[in-house]
Amino acid sequence: MKISKTTQVKKETVEPKWFIIDATDQVLGRLATQAAVLLRGKHKPVFTPHIDMGDHVIVINAEKIRLTGNKLKGKLYHHHSGYPGGLKTTTAEKLLLEKPDSLVFRAISGMIPHNTLGSEILRKLRVYKGSDHPHQAQQPKPFTLKAS
């Protein structure tokens, strides 16, 4: 009887790739889930949960993202300053007008583990309002979102 061994991937052997996602007319949640899968590395057959195996993700045209239903007016984002009475609340509509890159970043970061590894993974995410980005030298491959 032959015993097979499970091999663990080492951090040094992981070769991250660069992907670019165009957010034009994409639904925010669907884009965020697939970007989170790429960032985490769950699309790779050798996925190891405790190692950062993910790829770099660039999201462009964040201002052209789409929210379904009544989320523009109904979805609220909260921030607290830490002082009494310091709760600030804004709607998704206002956030989309003022900081669309922040809206997309928050959606994706909510799908990444909230621990030290998650912080490491989020450093590989870059979100831009327009179609210009300073990462041409990395030769990012276009990633088409899967229809579901």
N, C-alpha and C. Protein backbone atom coordinates (compact mmCIF):
# COMPACT_ATOMS: atom_id res chain seq x y z
N MET A 1 0.84 -1.18 0.00
CA MET A 1 0.00 0.00 0.00
C MET A 1 0.89 1.25 0.00
N LYS A 2 0.65 2.13 -0.96
CA LYS A 2 1.44 3.34 -1.09
C LYS A 2 0.73 4.48 -0.36
N ILE A 3 1.48 5.18 0.45
CA ILE A 3 0.93 6.31 1.19
C ILE A 3 1.32 7.59 0.46
N SER A 4 0.32 8.38 0.13
CA SER A 4 0.61 9.65 -0.54
C SER A 4 0.73 10.76 0.50
N LYS A 5 1.61 11.69 0.24
CA LYS A 5 1.85 12.78 1.18
C LYS A 5 1.25 14.06 0.62
N THR A 6 0.70 14.83 1.51
CA THR A 6 0.20 16.15 1.14
C THR A 6 1.35 17.13 1.23
N THR A 7 1.56 17.89 0.17
CA THR A 7 2.66 18.85 0.18
C THR A 7 2.12 20.23 0.50
N GLN A 8 2.88 20.98 1.26
CA GLN A 8 2.54 22.35 1.62
C GLN A 8 3.34 23.31 0.74
N VAL A 9 2.68 24.32 0.25
CA VAL A 9 3.36 25.33 -0.57
C VAL A 9 4.08 26.29 0.35
N LYS A 10 5.30 26.66 -0.01
CA LYS A 10 6.06 27.62 0.77
C LYS A 10 5.88 29.02 0.20
N LYS A 11 5.99 30.00 1.06
CA LYS A 11 5.79 31.39 0.64
C LYS A 11 6.78 31.82 -0.44
N GLU A 12 7.98 31.27 -0.40
CA GLU A 12 9.01 31.66 -1.36
C GLU A 12 8.72 31.15 -2.77
N THR A 13 7.94 30.09 -2.90
CA THR A 13 7.68 29.50 -4.22
C THR A 13 6.49 30.14 -4.93
N VAL A 14 5.74 31.00 -4.25
CA VAL A 14 4.56 31.61 -4.85
C VAL A 14 4.98 32.74 -5.77
N GLU A 15 4.50 32.71 -7.01
CA GLU A 15 4.78 33.74 -8.00
C GLU A 15 3.50 34.52 -8.27
N PRO A 16 3.33 35.71 -7.68
CA PRO A 16 2.09 36.46 -7.92
C PRO A 16 2.04 37.05 -9.32
N LYS A 17 0.84 37.04 -9.90
CA LYS A 17 0.60 37.65 -11.21
C LYS A 17 -0.15 38.96 -10.99
N TRP A 18 -0.31 39.71 -12.05
CA TRP A 18 -1.03 40.98 -12.00
C TRP A 18 -2.27 40.87 -12.89
N PHE A 19 -3.42 41.24 -12.34
CA PHE A 19 -4.67 41.26 -13.10
C PHE A 19 -5.27 42.65 -13.04
N ILE A 20 -5.96 43.02 -14.12
CA ILE A 20 -6.66 44.30 -14.17
C ILE A 20 -8.13 44.02 -14.43
N ILE A 21 -8.99 44.66 -13.64
CA ILE A 21 -10.44 44.48 -13.77
C ILE A 21 -11.06 45.82 -14.11
N ASP A 22 -11.84 45.85 -15.17
CA ASP A 22 -12.57 47.07 -15.56
C ASP A 22 -13.93 47.02 -14.90
N ALA A 23 -14.24 48.01 -14.06
CA ALA A 23 -15.48 48.03 -13.29
C ALA A 23 -16.65 48.67 -14.04
N THR A 24 -16.47 49.01 -15.30
CA THR A 24 -17.53 49.67 -16.06
C THR A 24 -18.77 48.77 -16.15
N ASP A 25 -19.90 49.27 -15.65
CA ASP A 25 -21.21 48.59 -15.66
C ASP A 25 -21.18 47.22 -14.99
N GLN A 26 -20.30 47.02 -14.02
CA GLN A 26 -20.26 45.77 -13.26
C GLN A 26 -21.00 45.98 -11.94
N VAL A 27 -21.66 44.94 -11.47
CA VAL A 27 -22.34 45.00 -10.18
C VAL A 27 -21.27 44.93 -9.08
N LEU A 28 -21.39 45.80 -8.09
CA LEU A 28 -20.35 45.94 -7.06
C LEU A 28 -20.05 44.64 -6.33
N GLY A 29 -21.06 43.94 -5.86
CA GLY A 29 -20.85 42.72 -5.09
C GLY A 29 -20.22 41.61 -5.89
N ARG A 30 -20.62 41.45 -7.14
CA ARG A 30 -20.06 40.40 -7.99
C ARG A 30 -18.60 40.68 -8.32
N LEU A 31 -18.30 41.95 -8.57
CA LEU A 31 -16.90 42.33 -8.82
C LEU A 31 -16.06 42.09 -7.57
N ALA A 32 -16.60 42.45 -6.41
CA ALA A 32 -15.85 42.34 -5.16
C ALA A 32 -15.55 40.88 -4.81
N THR A 33 -16.50 39.97 -5.04
CA THR A 33 -16.25 38.57 -4.70
C THR A 33 -15.16 37.98 -5.57
N GLN A 34 -15.18 38.29 -6.85
CA GLN A 34 -14.17 37.70 -7.74
C GLN A 34 -12.81 38.35 -7.53
N ALA A 35 -12.78 39.63 -7.18
CA ALA A 35 -11.51 40.28 -6.87
C ALA A 35 -10.94 39.70 -5.57
N ALA A 36 -11.80 39.40 -4.60
CA ALA A 36 -11.34 38.82 -3.34
C ALA A 36 -10.78 37.42 -3.55
N VAL A 37 -11.38 36.65 -4.45
CA VAL A 37 -10.86 35.31 -4.76
C VAL A 37 -9.46 35.41 -5.37
N LEU A 38 -9.27 36.37 -6.28
CA LEU A 38 -7.95 36.56 -6.89
C LEU A 38 -6.92 37.01 -5.85
N LEU A 39 -7.31 37.94 -4.99
CA LEU A 39 -6.39 38.46 -3.98
C LEU A 39 -5.97 37.38 -2.99
N ARG A 40 -6.89 36.51 -2.64
CA ARG A 40 -6.62 35.46 -1.67
C ARG A 40 -5.86 34.29 -2.27
N GLY A 41 -6.03 34.07 -3.59
CA GLY A 41 -5.36 32.95 -4.25
C GLY A 41 -6.20 31.69 -4.28
N LYS A 42 -7.50 31.82 -4.01
CA LYS A 42 -8.38 30.64 -3.96
C LYS A 42 -8.62 30.03 -5.33
N HIS A 43 -8.25 30.74 -6.40
CA HIS A 43 -8.42 30.21 -7.75
C HIS A 43 -7.28 29.27 -8.14
N LYS A 44 -6.26 29.16 -7.31
CA LYS A 44 -5.12 28.30 -7.61
C LYS A 44 -5.35 26.91 -7.03
N PRO A 45 -4.92 25.88 -7.74
CA PRO A 45 -5.14 24.52 -7.24
C PRO A 45 -4.33 24.17 -5.99
N VAL A 46 -3.28 24.92 -5.71
CA VAL A 46 -2.45 24.64 -4.54
C VAL A 46 -2.74 25.63 -3.41
N PHE A 47 -3.96 26.14 -3.31
CA PHE A 47 -4.33 27.13 -2.31
C PHE A 47 -4.04 26.62 -0.90
N THR A 48 -3.35 27.44 -0.12
CA THR A 48 -3.06 27.14 1.27
C THR A 48 -3.57 28.33 2.09
N PRO A 49 -4.50 28.09 3.03
CA PRO A 49 -5.17 29.21 3.70
C PRO A 49 -4.27 30.09 4.56
N HIS A 50 -3.18 29.58 5.09
CA HIS A 50 -2.37 30.39 5.99
C HIS A 50 -1.19 31.08 5.30
N ILE A 51 -1.13 31.01 3.97
CA ILE A 51 -0.05 31.65 3.21
C ILE A 51 -0.67 32.62 2.22
N ASP A 52 -0.03 33.77 2.03
CA ASP A 52 -0.49 34.75 1.05
C ASP A 52 -0.11 34.26 -0.34
N MET A 53 -1.07 33.64 -1.03
CA MET A 53 -0.81 33.07 -2.36
C MET A 53 -1.45 33.90 -3.46
N GLY A 54 -2.07 35.01 -3.10
CA GLY A 54 -2.88 35.76 -4.04
C GLY A 54 -2.08 36.55 -5.06
N ASP A 55 -2.83 37.09 -6.01
CA ASP A 55 -2.26 37.89 -7.08
C ASP A 55 -2.57 39.37 -6.83
N HIS A 56 -1.88 40.23 -7.54
CA HIS A 56 -2.14 41.67 -7.47
C HIS A 56 -3.35 41.97 -8.33
N VAL A 57 -4.24 42.84 -7.84
CA VAL A 57 -5.45 43.19 -8.57
C VAL A 57 -5.53 44.71 -8.69
N ILE A 58 -5.76 45.17 -9.94
CA ILE A 58 -5.95 46.58 -10.22
C ILE A 58 -7.39 46.73 -10.71
N VAL A 59 -8.16 47.60 -10.06
CA VAL A 59 -9.53 47.87 -10.48
C VAL A 59 -9.56 49.28 -11.04
N ILE A 60 -10.00 49.42 -12.31
CA ILE A 60 -10.09 50.74 -12.93
C ILE A 60 -11.55 51.09 -13.18
N ASN A 61 -11.81 52.35 -13.44
CA ASN A 61 -13.15 52.89 -13.71
C ASN A 61 -14.10 52.63 -12.55
N ALA A 62 -13.65 52.89 -11.34
CA ALA A 62 -14.48 52.65 -10.15
C ALA A 62 -15.72 53.53 -10.13
N GLU A 63 -15.67 54.69 -10.78
CA GLU A 63 -16.83 55.58 -10.76
C GLU A 63 -17.98 55.06 -11.63
N LYS A 64 -17.71 54.05 -12.45
CA LYS A 64 -18.75 53.50 -13.34
C LYS A 64 -19.34 52.19 -12.80
N ILE A 65 -19.11 51.92 -11.52
CA ILE A 65 -19.64 50.70 -10.89
C ILE A 65 -21.15 50.84 -10.75
N ARG A 66 -21.84 49.70 -10.66
CA ARG A 66 -23.30 49.69 -10.60
C ARG A 66 -23.76 49.04 -9.30
N LEU A 67 -24.75 49.63 -8.68
CA LEU A 67 -25.37 49.04 -7.50
C LEU A 67 -26.82 48.72 -7.84
N THR A 68 -27.29 47.54 -7.45
CA THR A 68 -28.63 47.11 -7.80
C THR A 68 -29.63 47.49 -6.72
N GLY A 69 -30.88 47.47 -7.07
CA GLY A 69 -31.95 47.72 -6.12
C GLY A 69 -31.92 49.15 -5.59
N ASN A 70 -32.22 49.29 -4.31
CA ASN A 70 -32.29 50.61 -3.68
C ASN A 70 -31.02 50.90 -2.87
N LYS A 71 -29.90 50.27 -3.24
CA LYS A 71 -28.69 50.39 -2.44
C LYS A 71 -28.05 51.78 -2.51
N LEU A 72 -28.26 52.53 -3.57
CA LEU A 72 -27.66 53.86 -3.65
C LEU A 72 -28.12 54.75 -2.51
N LYS A 73 -29.41 54.71 -2.20
CA LYS A 73 -29.94 55.54 -1.12
C LYS A 73 -30.05 54.78 0.21
N GLY A 74 -30.21 53.47 0.16
CA GLY A 74 -30.46 52.70 1.37
C GLY A 74 -29.22 52.17 2.07
N LYS A 75 -28.13 51.95 1.34
CA LYS A 75 -26.92 51.39 1.96
C LYS A 75 -26.15 52.50 2.66
N LEU A 76 -25.86 52.28 3.93
CA LEU A 76 -25.18 53.30 4.73
C LEU A 76 -23.79 52.82 5.14
N TYR A 77 -22.86 53.75 5.14
CA TYR A 77 -21.50 53.48 5.58
C TYR A 77 -21.23 54.33 6.81
N HIS A 78 -20.70 53.71 7.86
CA HIS A 78 -20.48 54.37 9.13
C HIS A 78 -18.99 54.49 9.42
N HIS A 79 -18.64 55.57 10.10
CA HIS A 79 -17.28 55.78 10.58
C HIS A 79 -17.37 56.51 11.91
N HIS A 80 -16.61 56.08 12.88
CA HIS A 80 -16.64 56.71 14.19
C HIS A 80 -15.27 57.29 14.51
N SER A 81 -15.25 58.53 14.98
CA SER A 81 -13.99 59.21 15.28
C SER A 81 -13.37 58.73 16.58
N GLY A 82 -14.16 58.09 17.43
CA GLY A 82 -13.66 57.65 18.72
C GLY A 82 -14.07 58.59 19.84
N TYR A 83 -14.63 59.74 19.51
CA TYR A 83 -15.10 60.70 20.49
C TYR A 83 -16.61 60.57 20.65
N PRO A 84 -17.15 61.00 21.80
CA PRO A 84 -18.60 60.96 21.98
C PRO A 84 -19.32 61.77 20.91
N GLY A 85 -20.32 61.19 20.30
CA GLY A 85 -21.06 61.86 19.23
C GLY A 85 -20.31 61.90 17.92
N GLY A 86 -19.30 61.07 17.78
CA GLY A 86 -18.44 61.13 16.59
C GLY A 86 -18.82 60.17 15.49
N LEU A 87 -20.06 59.68 15.47
CA LEU A 87 -20.49 58.75 14.43
C LEU A 87 -20.84 59.52 13.16
N LYS A 88 -20.17 59.20 12.07
CA LYS A 88 -20.44 59.81 10.78
C LYS A 88 -21.08 58.76 9.88
N THR A 89 -22.15 59.12 9.22
CA THR A 89 -22.86 58.19 8.35
C THR A 89 -23.01 58.83 6.97
N THR A 90 -22.76 58.04 5.94
CA THR A 90 -22.94 58.51 4.57
C THR A 90 -23.60 57.42 3.74
N THR A 91 -24.28 57.81 2.69
CA THR A 91 -24.95 56.83 1.83
C THR A 91 -23.99 56.38 0.73
N ALA A 92 -24.34 55.28 0.09
CA ALA A 92 -23.52 54.76 -1.01
C ALA A 92 -23.53 55.74 -2.18
N GLU A 93 -24.62 56.44 -2.38
CA GLU A 93 -24.73 57.41 -3.47
C GLU A 93 -23.72 58.54 -3.30
N LYS A 94 -23.63 59.08 -2.08
CA LYS A 94 -22.69 60.16 -1.81
C LYS A 94 -21.25 59.68 -1.91
N LEU A 95 -21.00 58.47 -1.41
CA LEU A 95 -19.66 57.90 -1.47
C LEU A 95 -19.24 57.63 -2.92
N LEU A 96 -20.20 57.20 -3.75
CA LEU A 96 -19.91 56.94 -5.16
C LEU A 96 -19.56 58.24 -5.89
N LEU A 97 -20.19 59.34 -5.52
CA LEU A 97 -19.89 60.63 -6.15
C LEU A 97 -18.56 61.19 -5.68
N GLU A 98 -18.28 61.10 -4.38
CA GLU A 98 -17.09 61.74 -3.83
C GLU A 98 -15.84 60.86 -3.91
N LYS A 99 -15.97 59.58 -3.49
CA LYS A 99 -14.81 58.68 -3.47
C LYS A 99 -15.22 57.29 -3.97
N PRO A 100 -15.38 57.11 -5.29
CA PRO A 100 -15.79 55.80 -5.80
C PRO A 100 -14.74 54.72 -5.55
N ASP A 101 -13.47 55.10 -5.50
CA ASP A 101 -12.43 54.11 -5.24
C ASP A 101 -12.55 53.57 -3.81
N SER A 102 -12.98 54.41 -2.89
CA SER A 102 -13.18 53.97 -1.51
C SER A 102 -14.35 53.01 -1.39
N LEU A 103 -15.41 53.25 -2.17
CA LEU A 103 -16.58 52.37 -2.17
C LEU A 103 -16.20 50.96 -2.62
N VAL A 104 -15.45 50.86 -3.70
CA VAL A 104 -15.02 49.56 -4.22
C VAL A 104 -14.03 48.90 -3.27
N PHE A 105 -13.10 49.68 -2.73
CA PHE A 105 -12.11 49.13 -1.79
C PHE A 105 -12.79 48.55 -0.56
N ARG A 106 -13.79 49.26 -0.02
CA ARG A 106 -14.49 48.77 1.18
C ARG A 106 -15.26 47.49 0.90
N ALA A 107 -15.84 47.39 -0.30
CA ALA A 107 -16.60 46.18 -0.65
C ALA A 107 -15.66 44.97 -0.73
N ILE A 108 -14.50 45.16 -1.34
CA ILE A 108 -13.55 44.05 -1.49
C ILE A 108 -12.90 43.72 -0.14
N SER A 109 -12.53 44.72 0.62
CA SER A 109 -11.85 44.47 1.90
C SER A 109 -12.76 43.78 2.90
N GLY A 110 -14.06 43.94 2.76
CA GLY A 110 -14.99 43.25 3.64
C GLY A 110 -15.04 41.75 3.39
N MET A 111 -14.52 41.31 2.24
CA MET A 111 -14.53 39.90 1.88
C MET A 111 -13.18 39.21 2.11
N ILE A 112 -12.25 39.94 2.69
CA ILE A 112 -10.92 39.42 3.00
C ILE A 112 -10.87 39.20 4.52
N PRO A 113 -10.18 38.17 5.01
CA PRO A 113 -10.11 37.95 6.46
C PRO A 113 -9.56 39.18 7.19
N HIS A 114 -10.13 39.46 8.36
CA HIS A 114 -9.73 40.63 9.14
C HIS A 114 -8.68 40.22 10.18
N ASN A 115 -7.49 39.93 9.68
CA ASN A 115 -6.38 39.56 10.54
C ASN A 115 -5.08 40.03 9.88
N THR A 116 -3.95 39.60 10.40
CA THR A 116 -2.66 40.05 9.87
C THR A 116 -2.47 39.63 8.42
N LEU A 117 -2.87 38.41 8.10
CA LEU A 117 -2.75 37.94 6.72
C LEU A 117 -3.64 38.76 5.79
N GLY A 118 -4.82 39.14 6.27
CA GLY A 118 -5.73 39.96 5.48
C GLY A 118 -5.14 41.32 5.16
N SER A 119 -4.43 41.90 6.12
CA SER A 119 -3.77 43.19 5.88
C SER A 119 -2.69 43.06 4.82
N GLU A 120 -1.98 41.95 4.86
CA GLU A 120 -0.94 41.67 3.86
C GLU A 120 -1.56 41.51 2.47
N ILE A 121 -2.70 40.84 2.41
CA ILE A 121 -3.39 40.60 1.14
C ILE A 121 -3.91 41.91 0.56
N LEU A 122 -4.46 42.79 1.41
CA LEU A 122 -5.04 44.04 0.92
C LEU A 122 -4.01 45.00 0.33
N ARG A 123 -2.74 44.80 0.66
CA ARG A 123 -1.70 45.65 0.07
C ARG A 123 -1.55 45.40 -1.43
N LYS A 124 -2.11 44.29 -1.91
CA LYS A 124 -2.01 43.96 -3.34
C LYS A 124 -3.20 44.47 -4.14
N LEU A 125 -4.11 45.19 -3.50
CA LEU A 125 -5.29 45.73 -4.17
C LEU A 125 -5.08 47.21 -4.46
N ARG A 126 -5.33 47.59 -5.72
CA ARG A 126 -5.25 48.99 -6.11
C ARG A 126 -6.51 49.34 -6.87
N VAL A 127 -7.17 50.43 -6.46
CA VAL A 127 -8.43 50.85 -7.07
C VAL A 127 -8.26 52.28 -7.56
N TYR A 128 -8.67 52.54 -8.81
CA TYR A 128 -8.54 53.86 -9.41
C TYR A 128 -9.87 54.31 -9.99
N LYS A 129 -10.14 55.64 -9.89
CA LYS A 129 -11.38 56.21 -10.41
C LYS A 129 -11.47 56.07 -11.92
N GLY A 130 -10.47 56.50 -12.62
CA GLY A 130 -10.48 56.50 -14.07
C GLY A 130 -9.82 55.27 -14.65
N SER A 131 -9.51 55.36 -15.95
CA SER A 131 -8.90 54.21 -16.63
C SER A 131 -7.37 54.25 -16.60
N ASP A 132 -6.80 55.33 -16.06
CA ASP A 132 -5.34 55.44 -15.99
C ASP A 132 -4.83 54.82 -14.70
N HIS A 133 -3.72 54.10 -14.81
CA HIS A 133 -3.07 53.53 -13.64
C HIS A 133 -1.57 53.47 -13.89
N PRO A 134 -0.76 53.56 -12.84
CA PRO A 134 0.70 53.60 -13.01
C PRO A 134 1.37 52.22 -13.00
N HIS A 135 0.66 51.17 -13.37
CA HIS A 135 1.23 49.82 -13.28
C HIS A 135 1.41 49.14 -14.64
N GLN A 136 1.69 49.93 -15.67
CA GLN A 136 1.88 49.36 -17.01
C GLN A 136 3.12 48.47 -17.07
N ALA A 137 4.13 48.78 -16.28
CA ALA A 137 5.38 48.02 -16.31
C ALA A 137 5.19 46.58 -15.85
N GLN A 138 4.16 46.32 -15.03
CA GLN A 138 3.91 44.97 -14.53
C GLN A 138 3.15 44.12 -15.55
N GLN A 139 2.70 44.72 -16.63
CA GLN A 139 1.97 44.05 -17.71
C GLN A 139 0.78 43.24 -17.16
N PRO A 140 -0.20 43.93 -16.55
CA PRO A 140 -1.34 43.21 -15.99
C PRO A 140 -2.21 42.59 -17.08
N LYS A 141 -2.70 41.40 -16.80
CA LYS A 141 -3.57 40.72 -17.74
C LYS A 141 -5.01 41.11 -17.45
N PRO A 142 -5.81 41.38 -18.49
CA PRO A 142 -7.23 41.71 -18.24
C PRO A 142 -7.97 40.49 -17.70
N PHE A 143 -8.78 40.72 -16.68
CA PHE A 143 -9.56 39.65 -16.08
C PHE A 143 -11.02 39.91 -16.37
N THR A 144 -11.67 38.96 -17.04
CA THR A 144 -13.09 39.11 -17.33
C THR A 144 -13.88 38.45 -16.22
N LEU A 145 -14.86 39.16 -15.70
CA LEU A 145 -15.68 38.64 -14.62
C LEU A 145 -16.57 37.53 -15.13
N LYS A 146 -16.68 36.48 -14.34
CA LYS A 146 -17.52 35.36 -14.72
C LYS A 146 -18.97 35.68 -14.47
N ALA A 147 -19.82 35.41 -15.43
CA ALA A 147 -21.25 35.64 -15.27
C ALA A 147 -21.82 34.53 -14.38
N SER A 148 -22.69 34.92 -13.45
CA SER A 148 -23.28 33.91 -12.60
C SER A 148 -24.77 34.06 -12.50
